[in-house]
Amino acid sequence: MAKTTEVEYTNKELLILMLKDQGIHEGNWALSAKLKFSTMNLGELADGSDASPAGAIAVVGCRIERVPEPLPFSINAAEANPKK
């Protein structure tokens, strides 16, 4: 078996895996990300005279959220993770 060095999931695949992990079998669910925003000054010159305000966004977590009605990006848990 080849050594796996990278695995990638689509948002839909990740949402379905999370529904299965949590044992959720009903409702419409959407995936969301928890973000952290930081500001800084960036420049290329050693003395900092060309520095400009900048920002960076980090993904610090993801979650699933039940939504009251189907959305174009939501998943129906009854279809994705039916009770056995």
N, C-alpha and C. Protein backbone atom coordinates (compact mmCIF):
# COMPACT_ATOMS: atom_id res chain seq x y z
N MET A 1 0.84 -1.17 0.00
CA MET A 1 0.00 0.00 0.00
C MET A 1 0.89 1.24 0.00
N ALA A 2 0.58 2.19 -0.86
CA ALA A 2 1.37 3.41 -0.96
C ALA A 2 1.18 4.28 0.27
N LYS A 3 2.21 5.01 0.62
CA LYS A 3 2.15 5.91 1.76
C LYS A 3 1.35 7.16 1.38
N THR A 4 0.33 7.48 2.16
CA THR A 4 -0.49 8.66 1.91
C THR A 4 0.19 9.86 2.54
N THR A 5 0.37 10.90 1.76
CA THR A 5 1.01 12.11 2.27
C THR A 5 0.06 13.30 2.27
N GLU A 6 -1.10 13.15 1.63
CA GLU A 6 -2.04 14.27 1.57
C GLU A 6 -3.45 13.73 1.33
N VAL A 7 -4.41 14.28 2.07
CA VAL A 7 -5.82 13.93 1.90
C VAL A 7 -6.60 15.23 1.87
N GLU A 8 -7.50 15.34 0.90
CA GLU A 8 -8.29 16.56 0.77
C GLU A 8 -9.78 16.21 0.70
N TYR A 9 -10.60 17.02 1.37
CA TYR A 9 -12.04 16.85 1.35
C TYR A 9 -12.69 18.11 0.80
N THR A 10 -13.78 17.93 0.07
CA THR A 10 -14.59 19.07 -0.32
C THR A 10 -15.40 19.50 0.90
N ASN A 11 -16.00 20.67 0.84
CA ASN A 11 -16.85 21.12 1.95
C ASN A 11 -17.99 20.14 2.17
N LYS A 12 -18.58 19.64 1.09
CA LYS A 12 -19.69 18.69 1.20
C LYS A 12 -19.22 17.39 1.86
N GLU A 13 -18.08 16.86 1.44
CA GLU A 13 -17.55 15.63 2.03
C GLU A 13 -17.24 15.82 3.52
N LEU A 14 -16.66 16.95 3.87
CA LEU A 14 -16.34 17.23 5.28
C LEU A 14 -17.61 17.33 6.11
N LEU A 15 -18.63 17.99 5.59
CA LEU A 15 -19.90 18.11 6.30
C LEU A 15 -20.51 16.74 6.54
N ILE A 16 -20.52 15.88 5.53
CA ILE A 16 -21.08 14.54 5.68
C ILE A 16 -20.29 13.73 6.71
N LEU A 17 -18.96 13.82 6.68
CA LEU A 17 -18.15 13.12 7.68
C LEU A 17 -18.46 13.61 9.09
N MET A 18 -18.67 14.90 9.26
CA MET A 18 -18.97 15.45 10.57
C MET A 18 -20.36 15.02 11.05
N LEU A 19 -21.34 14.96 10.13
CA LEU A 19 -22.67 14.47 10.50
C LEU A 19 -22.58 13.02 10.98
N LYS A 20 -21.84 12.20 10.26
CA LYS A 20 -21.68 10.80 10.65
C LYS A 20 -20.94 10.67 11.97
N ASP A 21 -19.91 11.47 12.17
CA ASP A 21 -19.13 11.44 13.41
C ASP A 21 -19.99 11.77 14.63
N GLN A 22 -20.92 12.71 14.45
CA GLN A 22 -21.77 13.14 15.55
C GLN A 22 -23.06 12.33 15.67
N GLY A 23 -23.28 11.39 14.75
CA GLY A 23 -24.48 10.56 14.80
C GLY A 23 -25.75 11.34 14.51
N ILE A 24 -25.67 12.32 13.63
CA ILE A 24 -26.83 13.17 13.30
C ILE A 24 -27.54 12.57 12.10
N HIS A 25 -28.85 12.33 12.23
CA HIS A 25 -29.62 11.67 11.19
C HIS A 25 -30.80 12.50 10.68
N GLU A 26 -30.96 13.71 11.14
CA GLU A 26 -32.10 14.51 10.67
C GLU A 26 -31.75 15.98 10.62
N GLY A 27 -32.48 16.70 9.80
CA GLY A 27 -32.31 18.15 9.69
C GLY A 27 -31.38 18.53 8.55
N ASN A 28 -31.42 19.81 8.22
CA ASN A 28 -30.55 20.39 7.21
C ASN A 28 -29.38 21.06 7.93
N TRP A 29 -28.17 20.80 7.44
CA TRP A 29 -26.97 21.27 8.11
C TRP A 29 -26.04 21.97 7.13
N ALA A 30 -25.33 22.97 7.63
CA ALA A 30 -24.37 23.72 6.83
C ALA A 30 -23.02 23.73 7.55
N LEU A 31 -21.97 23.81 6.78
CA LEU A 31 -20.61 23.89 7.31
C LEU A 31 -20.21 25.35 7.44
N SER A 32 -19.56 25.69 8.53
CA SER A 32 -19.05 27.05 8.68
C SER A 32 -17.65 26.99 9.29
N ALA A 33 -16.93 28.08 9.14
CA ALA A 33 -15.56 28.15 9.65
C ALA A 33 -15.45 29.23 10.71
N LYS A 34 -14.63 28.98 11.70
CA LYS A 34 -14.32 29.98 12.72
C LYS A 34 -13.01 30.64 12.29
N LEU A 35 -13.04 31.96 12.17
CA LEU A 35 -11.89 32.69 11.67
C LEU A 35 -11.31 33.61 12.73
N LYS A 36 -10.02 33.85 12.63
CA LYS A 36 -9.32 34.82 13.49
C LYS A 36 -8.63 35.81 12.56
N PHE A 37 -8.82 37.08 12.85
CA PHE A 37 -8.25 38.13 12.01
C PHE A 37 -7.17 38.87 12.79
N SER A 38 -6.02 39.08 12.16
CA SER A 38 -4.93 39.81 12.78
C SER A 38 -4.46 40.92 11.84
N THR A 39 -4.00 41.98 12.41
CA THR A 39 -3.47 43.08 11.61
C THR A 39 -1.97 43.21 11.87
N MET A 40 -1.28 43.81 10.91
CA MET A 40 0.16 43.99 11.03
C MET A 40 0.60 45.03 10.02
N ASN A 41 1.84 45.39 10.07
CA ASN A 41 2.45 46.25 9.05
C ASN A 41 3.46 45.41 8.30
N LEU A 42 3.41 45.50 6.97
CA LEU A 42 4.33 44.74 6.13
C LEU A 42 5.11 45.68 5.23
N GLY A 43 6.36 45.39 5.07
CA GLY A 43 7.21 46.15 4.16
C GLY A 43 8.42 45.32 3.79
N GLU A 44 9.16 45.81 2.79
CA GLU A 44 10.34 45.07 2.34
C GLU A 44 11.64 45.73 2.77
N LEU A 45 11.60 47.00 3.07
CA LEU A 45 12.83 47.71 3.44
C LEU A 45 13.19 47.44 4.89
N ALA A 46 14.48 47.28 5.17
CA ALA A 46 14.95 46.96 6.52
C ALA A 46 14.58 48.02 7.54
N ASP A 47 14.52 49.30 7.12
CA ASP A 47 14.20 50.36 8.08
C ASP A 47 12.69 50.53 8.28
N GLY A 48 11.86 49.76 7.54
CA GLY A 48 10.41 49.82 7.73
C GLY A 48 9.74 51.02 7.10
N SER A 49 10.47 51.83 6.35
CA SER A 49 9.90 53.06 5.80
C SER A 49 8.84 52.81 4.73
N ASP A 50 8.76 51.61 4.19
CA ASP A 50 7.75 51.31 3.16
C ASP A 50 6.60 50.46 3.72
N ALA A 51 6.51 50.35 5.05
CA ALA A 51 5.50 49.48 5.66
C ALA A 51 4.09 49.98 5.35
N SER A 52 3.21 49.03 5.13
CA SER A 52 1.80 49.31 4.87
C SER A 52 0.93 48.44 5.77
N PRO A 53 -0.23 48.95 6.17
CA PRO A 53 -1.14 48.13 6.97
C PRO A 53 -1.56 46.89 6.17
N ALA A 54 -1.66 45.77 6.86
CA ALA A 54 -2.04 44.52 6.21
C ALA A 54 -2.85 43.68 7.19
N GLY A 55 -3.44 42.64 6.68
CA GLY A 55 -4.22 41.74 7.53
C GLY A 55 -3.99 40.30 7.15
N ALA A 56 -4.25 39.44 8.11
CA ALA A 56 -4.15 37.99 7.87
C ALA A 56 -5.36 37.32 8.51
N ILE A 57 -5.90 36.34 7.82
CA ILE A 57 -7.04 35.59 8.33
C ILE A 57 -6.61 34.14 8.52
N ALA A 58 -6.87 33.61 9.70
CA ALA A 58 -6.55 32.21 9.99
C ALA A 58 -7.84 31.44 10.24
N VAL A 59 -7.92 30.23 9.72
CA VAL A 59 -9.03 29.34 10.04
C VAL A 59 -8.64 28.60 11.31
N VAL A 60 -9.39 28.83 12.40
CA VAL A 60 -9.04 28.22 13.69
C VAL A 60 -9.99 27.09 14.07
N GLY A 61 -10.97 26.83 13.24
CA GLY A 61 -11.88 25.72 13.51
C GLY A 61 -13.00 25.69 12.48
N CYS A 62 -13.74 24.59 12.51
CA CYS A 62 -14.92 24.52 11.66
C CYS A 62 -16.03 23.85 12.46
N ARG A 63 -17.25 24.10 12.06
CA ARG A 63 -18.39 23.54 12.79
C ARG A 63 -19.53 23.29 11.82
N ILE A 64 -20.51 22.53 12.29
CA ILE A 64 -21.72 22.34 11.52
C ILE A 64 -22.85 23.03 12.27
N GLU A 65 -23.78 23.56 11.51
CA GLU A 65 -24.87 24.33 12.10
C GLU A 65 -26.18 23.91 11.44
N ARG A 66 -27.17 23.62 12.26
CA ARG A 66 -28.48 23.24 11.72
C ARG A 66 -29.16 24.49 11.18
N VAL A 67 -29.72 24.37 9.99
CA VAL A 67 -30.42 25.48 9.35
C VAL A 67 -31.89 25.10 9.22
N PRO A 68 -32.80 26.09 9.30
CA PRO A 68 -34.22 25.78 9.33
C PRO A 68 -34.80 25.24 8.02
N GLU A 69 -34.15 25.53 6.91
CA GLU A 69 -34.65 25.06 5.62
C GLU A 69 -33.48 24.74 4.71
N PRO A 70 -33.71 23.94 3.66
CA PRO A 70 -32.61 23.61 2.75
C PRO A 70 -32.02 24.85 2.09
N LEU A 71 -30.71 24.87 1.98
CA LEU A 71 -29.98 25.94 1.31
C LEU A 71 -29.14 25.30 0.20
N PRO A 72 -28.68 26.09 -0.77
CA PRO A 72 -27.88 25.52 -1.84
C PRO A 72 -26.62 24.79 -1.36
N PHE A 73 -26.12 25.15 -0.19
CA PHE A 73 -24.89 24.56 0.33
C PHE A 73 -25.11 23.69 1.57
N SER A 74 -26.38 23.42 1.92
CA SER A 74 -26.65 22.59 3.10
C SER A 74 -26.83 21.13 2.68
N ILE A 75 -26.77 20.25 3.67
CA ILE A 75 -26.92 18.82 3.47
C ILE A 75 -28.07 18.33 4.34
N ASN A 76 -28.92 17.48 3.78
CA ASN A 76 -29.99 16.85 4.54
C ASN A 76 -29.40 15.62 5.21
N ALA A 77 -29.35 15.63 6.53
CA ALA A 77 -28.73 14.54 7.28
C ALA A 77 -29.46 13.22 7.08
N ALA A 78 -30.76 13.25 6.87
CA ALA A 78 -31.51 12.01 6.67
C ALA A 78 -31.07 11.30 5.38
N GLU A 79 -30.63 12.06 4.38
CA GLU A 79 -30.15 11.47 3.13
C GLU A 79 -28.66 11.11 3.21
N ALA A 80 -27.88 11.97 3.85
CA ALA A 80 -26.43 11.76 3.91
C ALA A 80 -26.03 10.72 4.95
N ASN A 81 -26.81 10.61 6.02
CA ASN A 81 -26.49 9.69 7.11
C ASN A 81 -27.77 9.04 7.63
N PRO A 82 -28.40 8.22 6.81
CA PRO A 82 -29.68 7.60 7.24
C PRO A 82 -29.47 6.66 8.41
N LYS A 83 -30.53 6.55 9.26
CA LYS A 83 -30.49 5.59 10.36
C LYS A 83 -30.48 4.19 9.78
N LYS A 84 -29.71 3.30 10.41
CA LYS A 84 -29.60 1.92 9.92
C LYS A 84 -30.58 1.02 10.61
